[in-house]
Amino acid sequence: MPLDEVCFRFPELTVVMAHGGEPWEDLCVKMMLKWPNLYYMTSAFAPKHYPKAIVHYMNTRGRDKIMWASDHPILPFDRCIGELAQVEFRDALTRSRFLGENARGLFFT
């Protein structure tokens, strides 16, 4: 069942897109704008390869919808943490939300 249909049929369901949505990153952003309970994790991408559409969305309207993931052991934690310095975050709050607050709020409430 396509993701759009899942979100339509089960609006109370929280859905997290994982493994990047490539090559449909722009569509992922459009769908997060459309569905309040749709989120995105950055697994499958090293930080230096995050899709531009996802970083832009995170720094604008999607601060609360994007979550960090390392895809360990394929992408080791040390590599991902080291490359995070290359990611351009709009501000400290955006970085904090991305690195943990969004996931804590979603998975532990």
PDB file of N, CA and C in Angstrom:
ATOM      1  N   MET A   1       0.855  -1.168   0.000  1.00  0.00           N
ATOM      2  CA  MET A   1       0.000   0.000   0.000  1.00  0.00           C
ATOM      3  C   MET A   1       0.906   1.237   0.000  1.00  0.00           C
ATOM      4  N   PRO A   2       0.695   2.170  -0.887  1.00  0.00           N
ATOM      5  CA  PRO A   2       1.523   3.378  -0.902  1.00  0.00           C
ATOM      6  C   PRO A   2       1.444   4.157   0.417  1.00  0.00           C
ATOM      7  N   LEU A   3       2.516   4.804   0.754  1.00  0.00           N
ATOM      8  CA  LEU A   3       2.594   5.542   2.018  1.00  0.00           C
ATOM      9  C   LEU A   3       1.512   6.608   2.142  1.00  0.00           C
ATOM     10  N   ASP A   4       1.213   7.290   1.077  1.00  0.00           N
ATOM     11  CA  ASP A   4       0.166   8.309   1.105  1.00  0.00           C
ATOM     12  C   ASP A   4      -1.179   7.694   1.498  1.00  0.00           C
ATOM     13  N   GLU A   5      -1.458   6.529   0.977  1.00  0.00           N
ATOM     14  CA  GLU A   5      -2.716   5.857   1.296  1.00  0.00           C
ATOM     15  C   GLU A   5      -2.734   5.377   2.752  1.00  0.00           C
ATOM     16  N   VAL A   6      -1.617   4.900   3.245  1.00  0.00           N
ATOM     17  CA  VAL A   6      -1.532   4.489   4.656  1.00  0.00           C
ATOM     18  C   VAL A   6      -1.837   5.680   5.552  1.00  0.00           C
ATOM     19  N   CYS A   7      -1.217   6.811   5.276  1.00  0.00           N
ATOM     20  CA  CYS A   7      -1.458   8.016   6.086  1.00  0.00           C
ATOM     21  C   CYS A   7      -2.910   8.473   5.986  1.00  0.00           C
ATOM     22  N   PHE A   8      -3.512   8.312   4.821  1.00  0.00           N
ATOM     23  CA  PHE A   8      -4.917   8.695   4.638  1.00  0.00           C
ATOM     24  C   PHE A   8      -5.850   7.761   5.406  1.00  0.00           C
ATOM     25  N   ARG A   9      -5.629   6.470   5.296  1.00  0.00           N
ATOM     26  CA  ARG A   9      -6.522   5.487   5.916  1.00  0.00           C
ATOM     27  C   ARG A   9      -6.353   5.393   7.431  1.00  0.00           C
ATOM     28  N   PHE A  10      -5.157   5.718   7.921  1.00  0.00           N
ATOM     29  CA  PHE A  10      -4.867   5.601   9.349  1.00  0.00           C
ATOM     30  C   PHE A  10      -4.280   6.910   9.878  1.00  0.00           C
ATOM     31  N   PRO A  11      -5.072   7.972   9.934  1.00  0.00           N
ATOM     32  CA  PRO A  11      -4.540   9.282  10.326  1.00  0.00           C
ATOM     33  C   PRO A  11      -4.019   9.328  11.757  1.00  0.00           C
ATOM     34  N   GLU A  12      -4.424   8.399  12.604  1.00  0.00           N
ATOM     35  CA  GLU A  12      -3.942   8.369  13.986  1.00  0.00           C
ATOM     36  C   GLU A  12      -2.592   7.640  14.104  1.00  0.00           C
ATOM     37  N   LEU A  13      -2.179   6.958  13.058  1.00  0.00           N
ATOM     38  CA  LEU A  13      -0.932   6.201  13.051  1.00  0.00           C
ATOM     39  C   LEU A  13       0.257   7.126  12.846  1.00  0.00           C
ATOM     40  N   THR A  14       1.283   6.983  13.675  1.00  0.00           N
ATOM     41  CA  THR A  14       2.531   7.717  13.482  1.00  0.00           C
ATOM     42  C   THR A  14       3.433   6.878  12.588  1.00  0.00           C
ATOM     43  N   VAL A  15       3.930   7.475  11.516  1.00  0.00           N
ATOM     44  CA  VAL A  15       4.764   6.780  10.540  1.00  0.00           C
ATOM     45  C   VAL A  15       6.101   7.507  10.445  1.00  0.00           C
ATOM     46  N   VAL A  16       7.185   6.725  10.484  1.00  0.00           N
ATOM     47  CA  VAL A  16       8.529   7.291  10.343  1.00  0.00           C
ATOM     48  C   VAL A  16       9.162   6.705   9.084  1.00  0.00           C
ATOM     49  N   MET A  17       9.490   7.582   8.149  1.00  0.00           N
ATOM     50  CA  MET A  17      10.198   7.146   6.946  1.00  0.00           C
ATOM     51  C   MET A  17      11.667   6.960   7.309  1.00  0.00           C
ATOM     52  N   ALA A  18      12.213   5.837   6.902  1.00  0.00           N
ATOM     53  CA  ALA A  18      13.618   5.551   7.185  1.00  0.00           C
ATOM     54  C   ALA A  18      14.350   5.248   5.877  1.00  0.00           C
ATOM     55  N   HIS A  19      15.641   5.302   5.932  1.00  0.00           N
ATOM     56  CA  HIS A  19      16.517   5.012   4.805  1.00  0.00           C
ATOM     57  C   HIS A  19      16.385   6.011   3.662  1.00  0.00           C
ATOM     58  N   GLY A  20      16.035   7.231   3.995  1.00  0.00           N
ATOM     59  CA  GLY A  20      16.230   8.356   3.109  1.00  0.00           C
ATOM     60  C   GLY A  20      15.230   8.667   2.030  1.00  0.00           C
ATOM     61  N   GLY A  21      14.422   7.731   1.614  1.00  0.00           N
ATOM     62  CA  GLY A  21      13.441   8.024   0.586  1.00  0.00           C
ATOM     63  C   GLY A  21      14.023   8.339  -0.780  1.00  0.00           C
ATOM     64  N   GLU A  22      15.292   8.102  -0.958  1.00  0.00           N
ATOM     65  CA  GLU A  22      15.959   8.439  -2.210  1.00  0.00           C
ATOM     66  C   GLU A  22      15.412   7.592  -3.351  1.00  0.00           C
ATOM     67  N   PRO A  23      15.136   8.125  -4.491  1.00  0.00           N
ATOM     68  CA  PRO A  23      15.400   9.469  -4.996  1.00  0.00           C
ATOM     69  C   PRO A  23      14.195  10.406  -4.874  1.00  0.00           C
ATOM     70  N   TRP A  24      13.322  10.156  -3.936  1.00  0.00           N
ATOM     71  CA  TRP A  24      12.085  10.927  -3.804  1.00  0.00           C
ATOM     72  C   TRP A  24      12.099  11.855  -2.593  1.00  0.00           C
ATOM     73  N   GLU A  25      13.235  12.478  -2.304  1.00  0.00           N
ATOM     74  CA  GLU A  25      13.331  13.342  -1.127  1.00  0.00           C
ATOM     75  C   GLU A  25      12.339  14.502  -1.178  1.00  0.00           C
ATOM     76  N   ASP A  26      12.173  15.097  -2.351  1.00  0.00           N
ATOM     77  CA  ASP A  26      11.212  16.198  -2.485  1.00  0.00           C
ATOM     78  C   ASP A  26       9.791  15.725  -2.194  1.00  0.00           C
ATOM     79  N   LEU A  27       9.463  14.534  -2.648  1.00  0.00           N
ATOM     80  CA  LEU A  27       8.145  13.966  -2.356  1.00  0.00           C
ATOM     81  C   LEU A  27       7.994  13.682  -0.863  1.00  0.00           C
ATOM     82  N   CYS A  28       9.061  13.208  -0.220  1.00  0.00           N
ATOM     83  CA  CYS A  28       9.026  12.989   1.236  1.00  0.00           C
ATOM     84  C   CYS A  28       8.670  14.289   1.952  1.00  0.00           C
ATOM     85  N   VAL A  29       9.277  15.383   1.547  1.00  0.00           N
ATOM     86  CA  VAL A  29       8.987  16.687   2.157  1.00  0.00           C
ATOM     87  C   VAL A  29       7.525  17.061   1.926  1.00  0.00           C
ATOM     88  N   LYS A  30       7.044  16.925   0.701  1.00  0.00           N
ATOM     89  CA  LYS A  30       5.645  17.259   0.404  1.00  0.00           C
ATOM     90  C   LYS A  30       4.687  16.433   1.252  1.00  0.00           C
ATOM     91  N   MET A  31       5.010  15.166   1.433  1.00  0.00           N
ATOM     92  CA  MET A  31       4.126  14.310   2.224  1.00  0.00           C
ATOM     93  C   MET A  31       4.166  14.669   3.704  1.00  0.00           C
ATOM     94  N   MET A  32       5.331  15.078   4.212  1.00  0.00           N
ATOM     95  CA  MET A  32       5.387  15.518   5.617  1.00  0.00           C
ATOM     96  C   MET A  32       4.594  16.795   5.819  1.00  0.00           C
ATOM     97  N   LEU A  33       4.568  17.650   4.806  1.00  0.00           N
ATOM     98  CA  LEU A  33       3.737  18.846   4.882  1.00  0.00           C
ATOM     99  C   LEU A  33       2.252  18.475   4.900  1.00  0.00           C
ATOM    100  N   LYS A  34       1.904  17.450   4.193  1.00  0.00           N
ATOM    101  CA  LYS A  34       0.512  17.014   4.069  1.00  0.00           C
ATOM    102  C   LYS A  34       0.028  16.238   5.295  1.00  0.00           C
ATOM    103  N   TRP A  35       0.871  15.370   5.848  1.00  0.00           N
ATOM    104  CA  TRP A  35       0.450  14.473   6.923  1.00  0.00           C
ATOM    105  C   TRP A  35       1.144  14.836   8.238  1.00  0.00           C
ATOM    106  N   PRO A  36       0.397  15.263   9.237  1.00  0.00           N
ATOM    107  CA  PRO A  36       0.977  15.676  10.520  1.00  0.00           C
ATOM    108  C   PRO A  36       1.717  14.560  11.263  1.00  0.00           C
ATOM    109  N   ASN A  37       1.343  13.311  11.043  1.00  0.00           N
ATOM    110  CA  ASN A  37       1.964  12.198  11.768  1.00  0.00           C
ATOM    111  C   ASN A  37       3.011  11.457  10.943  1.00  0.00           C
ATOM    112  N   LEU A  38       3.557  12.102   9.935  1.00  0.00           N
ATOM    113  CA  LEU A  38       4.605  11.503   9.111  1.00  0.00           C
ATOM    114  C   LEU A  38       5.934  12.184   9.414  1.00  0.00           C
ATOM    115  N   TYR A  39       6.952  11.368   9.698  1.00  0.00           N
ATOM    116  CA  TYR A  39       8.273  11.855  10.097  1.00  0.00           C
ATOM    117  C   TYR A  39       9.344  11.189   9.233  1.00  0.00           C
ATOM    118  N   TYR A  40      10.584  11.656   9.389  1.00  0.00           N
ATOM    119  CA  TYR A  40      11.697  11.208   8.551  1.00  0.00           C
ATOM    120  C   TYR A  40      12.933  10.991   9.408  1.00  0.00           C
ATOM    121  N   MET A  41      13.597   9.852   9.208  1.00  0.00           N
ATOM    122  CA  MET A  41      14.891   9.596   9.852  1.00  0.00           C
ATOM    123  C   MET A  41      15.969   9.521   8.778  1.00  0.00           C
ATOM    124  N   THR A  42      17.160   9.955   9.127  1.00  0.00           N
ATOM    125  CA  THR A  42      18.250  10.067   8.163  1.00  0.00           C
ATOM    126  C   THR A  42      19.082   8.800   8.011  1.00  0.00           C
ATOM    127  N   SER A  43      18.580   7.660   8.464  1.00  0.00           N
ATOM    128  CA  SER A  43      19.343   6.425   8.294  1.00  0.00           C
ATOM    129  C   SER A  43      19.640   6.211   6.812  1.00  0.00           C
ATOM    130  N   ALA A  44      20.727   5.526   6.540  1.00  0.00           N
ATOM    131  CA  ALA A  44      21.203   5.216   5.194  1.00  0.00           C
ATOM    132  C   ALA A  44      22.047   6.329   4.589  1.00  0.00           C
ATOM    133  N   PHE A  45      22.137   7.478   5.257  1.00  0.00           N
ATOM    134  CA  PHE A  45      22.968   8.573   4.757  1.00  0.00           C
ATOM    135  C   PHE A  45      24.006   8.977   5.790  1.00  0.00           C
ATOM    136  N   ALA A  46      25.255   9.099   5.370  1.00  0.00           N
ATOM    137  CA  ALA A  46      26.240   9.778   6.198  1.00  0.00           C
ATOM    138  C   ALA A  46      25.873  11.261   6.161  1.00  0.00           C
ATOM    139  N   PRO A  47      26.111  11.994   7.249  1.00  0.00           N
ATOM    140  CA  PRO A  47      25.706  13.400   7.282  1.00  0.00           C
ATOM    141  C   PRO A  47      26.178  14.235   6.100  1.00  0.00           C
ATOM    142  N   LYS A  48      27.352  13.971   5.575  1.00  0.00           N
ATOM    143  CA  LYS A  48      27.823  14.783   4.445  1.00  0.00           C
ATOM    144  C   LYS A  48      27.030  14.518   3.168  1.00  0.00           C
ATOM    145  N   HIS A  49      26.182  13.488   3.185  1.00  0.00           N
ATOM    146  CA  HIS A  49      25.374  13.153   2.015  1.00  0.00           C
ATOM    147  C   HIS A  49      23.873  13.345   2.241  1.00  0.00           C
ATOM    148  N   TYR A  50      23.495  14.042   3.314  1.00  0.00           N
ATOM    149  CA  TYR A  50      22.068  14.281   3.529  1.00  0.00           C
ATOM    150  C   TYR A  50      21.485  14.994   2.315  1.00  0.00           C
ATOM    151  N   PRO A  51      20.307  14.589   1.869  1.00  0.00           N
ATOM    152  CA  PRO A  51      19.688  15.266   0.728  1.00  0.00           C
ATOM    153  C   PRO A  51      19.418  16.743   1.026  1.00  0.00           C
ATOM    154  N   LYS A  52      19.696  17.583   0.069  1.00  0.00           N
ATOM    155  CA  LYS A  52      19.498  19.032   0.235  1.00  0.00           C
ATOM    156  C   LYS A  52      18.051  19.376   0.594  1.00  0.00           C
ATOM    157  N   ALA A  53      17.097  18.676  -0.013  1.00  0.00           N
ATOM    158  CA  ALA A  53      15.680  18.951   0.258  1.00  0.00           C
ATOM    159  C   ALA A  53      15.347  18.682   1.723  1.00  0.00           C
ATOM    160  N   ILE A  54      15.942  17.660   2.299  1.00  0.00           N
ATOM    161  CA  ILE A  54      15.670  17.304   3.697  1.00  0.00           C
ATOM    162  C   ILE A  54      16.313  18.329   4.632  1.00  0.00           C
ATOM    163  N   VAL A  55      17.545  18.716   4.360  1.00  0.00           N
ATOM    164  CA  VAL A  55      18.217  19.717   5.202  1.00  0.00           C
ATOM    165  C   VAL A  55      17.467  21.052   5.127  1.00  0.00           C
ATOM    166  N   HIS A  56      17.049  21.438   3.945  1.00  0.00           N
ATOM    167  CA  HIS A  56      16.295  22.688   3.802  1.00  0.00           C
ATOM    168  C   HIS A  56      14.988  22.620   4.581  1.00  0.00           C
ATOM    169  N   TYR A  57      14.264  21.537   4.451  1.00  0.00           N
ATOM    170  CA  TYR A  57      13.001  21.372   5.176  1.00  0.00           C
ATOM    171  C   TYR A  57      13.240  21.409   6.686  1.00  0.00           C
ATOM    172  N   MET A  58      14.275  20.728   7.148  1.00  0.00           N
ATOM    173  CA  MET A  58      14.601  20.722   8.579  1.00  0.00           C
ATOM    174  C   MET A  58      14.890  22.144   9.071  1.00  0.00           C
ATOM    175  N   ASN A  59      15.531  22.943   8.257  1.00  0.00           N
ATOM    176  CA  ASN A  59      15.903  24.298   8.653  1.00  0.00           C
ATOM    177  C   ASN A  59      14.790  25.323   8.439  1.00  0.00           C
ATOM    178  N   THR A  60      13.670  24.896   7.913  1.00  0.00           N
ATOM    179  CA  THR A  60      12.555  25.816   7.699  1.00  0.00           C
ATOM    180  C   THR A  60      11.329  25.302   8.433  1.00  0.00           C
ATOM    181  N   ARG A  61      10.429  24.665   7.735  1.00  0.00           N
ATOM    182  CA  ARG A  61       9.151  24.249   8.323  1.00  0.00           C
ATOM    183  C   ARG A  61       9.190  22.905   9.041  1.00  0.00           C
ATOM    184  N   GLY A  62      10.242  22.112   8.854  1.00  0.00           N
ATOM    185  CA  GLY A  62      10.248  20.745   9.363  1.00  0.00           C
ATOM    186  C   GLY A  62      11.138  20.485  10.555  1.00  0.00           C
ATOM    187  N   ARG A  63      11.418  21.497  11.337  1.00  0.00           N
ATOM    188  CA  ARG A  63      12.309  21.346  12.488  1.00  0.00           C
ATOM    189  C   ARG A  63      11.894  20.193  13.406  1.00  0.00           C
ATOM    190  N   ASP A  64      10.594  19.951  13.542  1.00  0.00           N
ATOM    191  CA  ASP A  64      10.091  18.927  14.460  1.00  0.00           C
ATOM    192  C   ASP A  64       9.861  17.578  13.784  1.00  0.00           C
ATOM    193  N   LYS A  65      10.171  17.452  12.510  1.00  0.00           N
ATOM    194  CA  LYS A  65       9.815  16.243  11.766  1.00  0.00           C
ATOM    195  C   LYS A  65      10.994  15.381  11.319  1.00  0.00           C
ATOM    196  N   ILE A  66      12.219  15.879  11.472  1.00  0.00           N
ATOM    197  CA  ILE A  66      13.398  15.167  10.979  1.00  0.00           C
ATOM    198  C   ILE A  66      14.215  14.676  12.173  1.00  0.00           C
ATOM    199  N   MET A  67      14.630  13.390  12.118  1.00  0.00           N
ATOM    200  CA  MET A  67      15.386  12.786  13.223  1.00  0.00           C
ATOM    201  C   MET A  67      16.684  12.159  12.723  1.00  0.00           C
ATOM    202  N   TRP A  68      17.697  12.279  13.545  1.00  0.00           N
ATOM    203  CA  TRP A  68      18.998  11.698  13.236  1.00  0.00           C
ATOM    204  C   TRP A  68      18.963  10.186  13.409  1.00  0.00           C
ATOM    205  N   ALA A  69      19.660   9.480  12.525  1.00  0.00           N
ATOM    206  CA  ALA A  69      19.906   8.050  12.648  1.00  0.00           C
ATOM    207  C   ALA A  69      21.228   7.760  11.961  1.00  0.00           C
ATOM    208  N   SER A  70      21.996   6.817  12.502  1.00  0.00           N
ATOM    209  CA  SER A  70      23.329   6.574  11.961  1.00  0.00           C
ATOM    210  C   SER A  70      23.420   5.375  11.031  1.00  0.00           C
ATOM    211  N   ASP A  71      22.490   4.445  11.105  1.00  0.00           N
ATOM    212  CA  ASP A  71      22.541   3.198  10.346  1.00  0.00           C
ATOM    213  C   ASP A  71      23.736   2.343  10.776  1.00  0.00           C
ATOM    214  N   HIS A  72      24.061   2.405  12.057  1.00  0.00           N
ATOM    215  CA  HIS A  72      25.144   1.600  12.628  1.00  0.00           C
ATOM    216  C   HIS A  72      24.815   0.123  12.474  1.00  0.00           C
ATOM    217  N   PRO A  73      25.713  -0.746  12.101  1.00  0.00           N
ATOM    218  CA  PRO A  73      27.153  -0.595  11.956  1.00  0.00           C
ATOM    219  C   PRO A  73      27.608  -0.237  10.536  1.00  0.00           C
ATOM    220  N   ILE A  74      26.673  -0.135   9.587  1.00  0.00           N
ATOM    221  CA  ILE A  74      27.068   0.218   8.220  1.00  0.00           C
ATOM    222  C   ILE A  74      27.718   1.598   8.200  1.00  0.00           C
ATOM    223  N   LEU A  75      27.107   2.543   8.916  1.00  0.00           N
ATOM    224  CA  LEU A  75      27.687   3.879   9.096  1.00  0.00           C
ATOM    225  C   LEU A  75      28.041   4.015  10.572  1.00  0.00           C
ATOM    226  N   PRO A  76      29.311   3.882  10.924  1.00  0.00           N
ATOM    227  CA  PRO A  76      29.708   3.925  12.334  1.00  0.00           C
ATOM    228  C   PRO A  76      29.371   5.266  13.000  1.00  0.00           C
ATOM    229  N   PHE A  77      29.063   5.193  14.295  1.00  0.00           N
ATOM    230  CA  PHE A  77      28.720   6.391  15.063  1.00  0.00           C
ATOM    231  C   PHE A  77      29.812   7.450  14.957  1.00  0.00           C
ATOM    232  N   ASP A  78      31.080   7.043  15.114  1.00  0.00           N
ATOM    233  CA  ASP A  78      32.178   8.016  15.078  1.00  0.00           C
ATOM    234  C   ASP A  78      32.199   8.796  13.763  1.00  0.00           C
ATOM    235  N   ARG A  79      31.997   8.101  12.662  1.00  0.00           N
ATOM    236  CA  ARG A  79      31.979   8.790  11.360  1.00  0.00           C
ATOM    237  C   ARG A  79      30.820   9.787  11.307  1.00  0.00           C
ATOM    238  N   CYS A  80      29.642   9.337  11.699  1.00  0.00           N
ATOM    239  CA  CYS A  80      28.461  10.207  11.623  1.00  0.00           C
ATOM    240  C   CYS A  80      28.597  11.423  12.532  1.00  0.00           C
ATOM    241  N   ILE A  81      29.058  11.208  13.741  1.00  0.00           N
ATOM    242  CA  ILE A  81      29.230  12.323  14.674  1.00  0.00           C
ATOM    243  C   ILE A  81      30.253  13.306  14.121  1.00  0.00           C
ATOM    244  N   GLY A  82      31.336  12.790  13.557  1.00  0.00           N
ATOM    245  CA  GLY A  82      32.359  13.659  12.979  1.00  0.00           C
ATOM    246  C   GLY A  82      31.849  14.483  11.810  1.00  0.00           C
ATOM    247  N   GLU A  83      30.997  13.891  10.991  1.00  0.00           N
ATOM    248  CA  GLU A  83      30.483  14.593   9.815  1.00  0.00           C
ATOM    249  C   GLU A  83      29.346  15.560  10.133  1.00  0.00           C
ATOM    250  N   LEU A  84      28.761  15.464  11.316  1.00  0.00           N
ATOM    251  CA  LEU A  84      27.670  16.378  11.669  1.00  0.00           C
ATOM    252  C   LEU A  84      28.107  17.839  11.664  1.00  0.00           C
ATOM    253  N   ALA A  85      29.396  18.081  11.863  1.00  0.00           N
ATOM    254  CA  ALA A  85      29.899  19.456  11.834  1.00  0.00           C
ATOM    255  C   ALA A  85      29.726  20.087  10.457  1.00  0.00           C
ATOM    256  N   GLN A  86      29.581  19.257   9.414  1.00  0.00           N
ATOM    257  CA  GLN A  86      29.410  19.768   8.049  1.00  0.00           C
ATOM    258  C   GLN A  86      27.955  20.117   7.729  1.00  0.00           C
ATOM    259  N   VAL A  87      27.030  19.676   8.578  1.00  0.00           N
ATOM    260  CA  VAL A  87      25.618  19.948   8.326  1.00  0.00           C
ATOM    261  C   VAL A  87      25.301  21.366   8.773  1.00  0.00           C
ATOM    262  N   GLU A  88      24.678  22.129   7.912  1.00  0.00           N
ATOM    263  CA  GLU A  88      24.336  23.515   8.235  1.00  0.00           C
ATOM    264  C   GLU A  88      22.967  23.557   8.905  1.00  0.00           C
ATOM    265  N   PHE A  89      22.982  23.730  10.223  1.00  0.00           N
ATOM    266  CA  PHE A  89      21.756  23.871  10.987  1.00  0.00           C
ATOM    267  C   PHE A  89      21.424  25.352  11.114  1.00  0.00           C
ATOM    268  N   ARG A  90      20.154  25.675  11.024  1.00  0.00           N
ATOM    269  CA  ARG A  90      19.721  27.072  11.129  1.00  0.00           C
ATOM    270  C   ARG A  90      20.120  27.674  12.462  1.00  0.00           C
ATOM    271  N   ASP A  91      19.977  26.885  13.532  1.00  0.00           N
ATOM    272  CA  ASP A  91      20.303  27.371  14.868  1.00  0.00           C
ATOM    273  C   ASP A  91      20.485  26.190  15.805  1.00  0.00           C
ATOM    274  N   ALA A  92      20.829  26.477  17.052  1.00  0.00           N
ATOM    275  CA  ALA A  92      21.088  25.424  18.039  1.00  0.00           C
ATOM    276  C   ALA A  92      19.841  24.605  18.338  1.00  0.00           C
ATOM    277  N   LEU A  93      18.675  25.236  18.326  1.00  0.00           N
ATOM    278  CA  LEU A  93      17.440  24.502  18.594  1.00  0.00           C
ATOM    279  C   LEU A  93      17.171  23.474  17.497  1.00  0.00           C
ATOM    280  N   THR A  94      17.382  23.840  16.262  1.00  0.00           N
ATOM    281  CA  THR A  94      17.185  22.900  15.152  1.00  0.00           C
ATOM    282  C   THR A  94      18.116  21.716  15.303  1.00  0.00           C
ATOM    283  N   ARG A  95      19.361  21.978  15.619  1.00  0.00           N
ATOM    284  CA  ARG A  95      20.354  20.902  15.827  1.00  0.00           C
ATOM    285  C   ARG A  95      19.933  19.999  16.980  1.00  0.00           C
ATOM    286  N   SER A  96      19.509  20.588  18.084  1.00  0.00           N
ATOM    287  CA  SER A  96      19.095  19.825  19.253  1.00  0.00           C
ATOM    288  C   SER A  96      17.871  18.965  18.953  1.00  0.00           C
ATOM    289  N   ARG A  97      16.918  19.520  18.253  1.00  0.00           N
ATOM    290  CA  ARG A  97      15.707  18.764  17.893  1.00  0.00           C
ATOM    291  C   ARG A  97      16.086  17.584  16.999  1.00  0.00           C
ATOM    292  N   PHE A  98      16.930  17.833  16.011  1.00  0.00           N
ATOM    293  CA  PHE A  98      17.363  16.798  15.074  1.00  0.00           C
ATOM    294  C   PHE A  98      18.121  15.676  15.779  1.00  0.00           C
ATOM    295  N   LEU A  99      19.026  16.040  16.667  1.00  0.00           N
ATOM    296  CA  LEU A  99      19.903  15.039  17.289  1.00  0.00           C
ATOM    297  C   LEU A  99      19.258  14.234  18.411  1.00  0.00           C
ATOM    298  N   GLY A 100      18.081  14.610  18.876  1.00  0.00           N
ATOM    299  CA  GLY A 100      17.509  13.792  19.933  1.00  0.00           C
ATOM    300  C   GLY A 100      16.121  14.155  20.397  1.00  0.00           C
ATOM    301  N   GLU A 101      15.841  15.444  20.487  1.00  0.00           N
ATOM    302  CA  GLU A 101      14.555  15.845  21.060  1.00  0.00           C
ATOM    303  C   GLU A 101      13.372  15.341  20.238  1.00  0.00           C
ATOM    304  N   ASN A 102      13.476  15.361  18.931  1.00  0.00           N
ATOM    305  CA  ASN A 102      12.369  14.879  18.102  1.00  0.00           C
ATOM    306  C   ASN A 102      12.100  13.392  18.347  1.00  0.00           C
ATOM    307  N   ALA A 103      13.146  12.599  18.366  1.00  0.00           N
ATOM    308  CA  ALA A 103      12.985  11.162  18.596  1.00  0.00           C
ATOM    309  C   ALA A 103      12.445  10.880  20.004  1.00  0.00           C
ATOM    310  N   ARG A 104      12.990  11.561  21.006  1.00  0.00           N
ATOM    311  CA  ARG A 104      12.487  11.360  22.366  1.00  0.00           C
ATOM    312  C   ARG A 104      11.008  11.709  22.449  1.00  0.00           C
ATOM    313  N   GLY A 105      10.624  12.828  21.863  1.00  0.00           N
ATOM    314  CA  GLY A 105       9.230  13.236  21.897  1.00  0.00           C
ATOM    315  C   GLY A 105       8.309  12.270  21.165  1.00  0.00           C
ATOM    316  N   LEU A 106       8.798  11.695  20.097  1.00  0.00           N
ATOM    317  CA  LEU A 106       7.974  10.804  19.288  1.00  0.00           C
ATOM    318  C   LEU A 106       7.894   9.390  19.879  1.00  0.00           C
ATOM    319  N   PHE A 107       9.016   8.853  20.296  1.00  0.00           N
ATOM    320  CA  PHE A 107       9.067   7.456  20.733  1.00  0.00           C
ATOM    321  C   PHE A 107       8.832   7.253  22.222  1.00  0.00           C
ATOM    322  N   PHE A 108       8.988   8.295  23.040  1.00  0.00           N
ATOM    323  CA  PHE A 108       8.904   8.108  24.487  1.00  0.00           C
ATOM    324  C   PHE A 108       7.821   8.931  25.142  1.00  0.00           C
ATOM    325  N   THR A 109       6.770   9.274  24.394  1.00  0.00           N
ATOM    326  CA  THR A 109       5.661  10.004  25.038  1.00  0.00           C
ATOM    327  C   THR A 109       4.404   9.172  24.993  1.00  0.00           C
TER     328      THR A 109
END
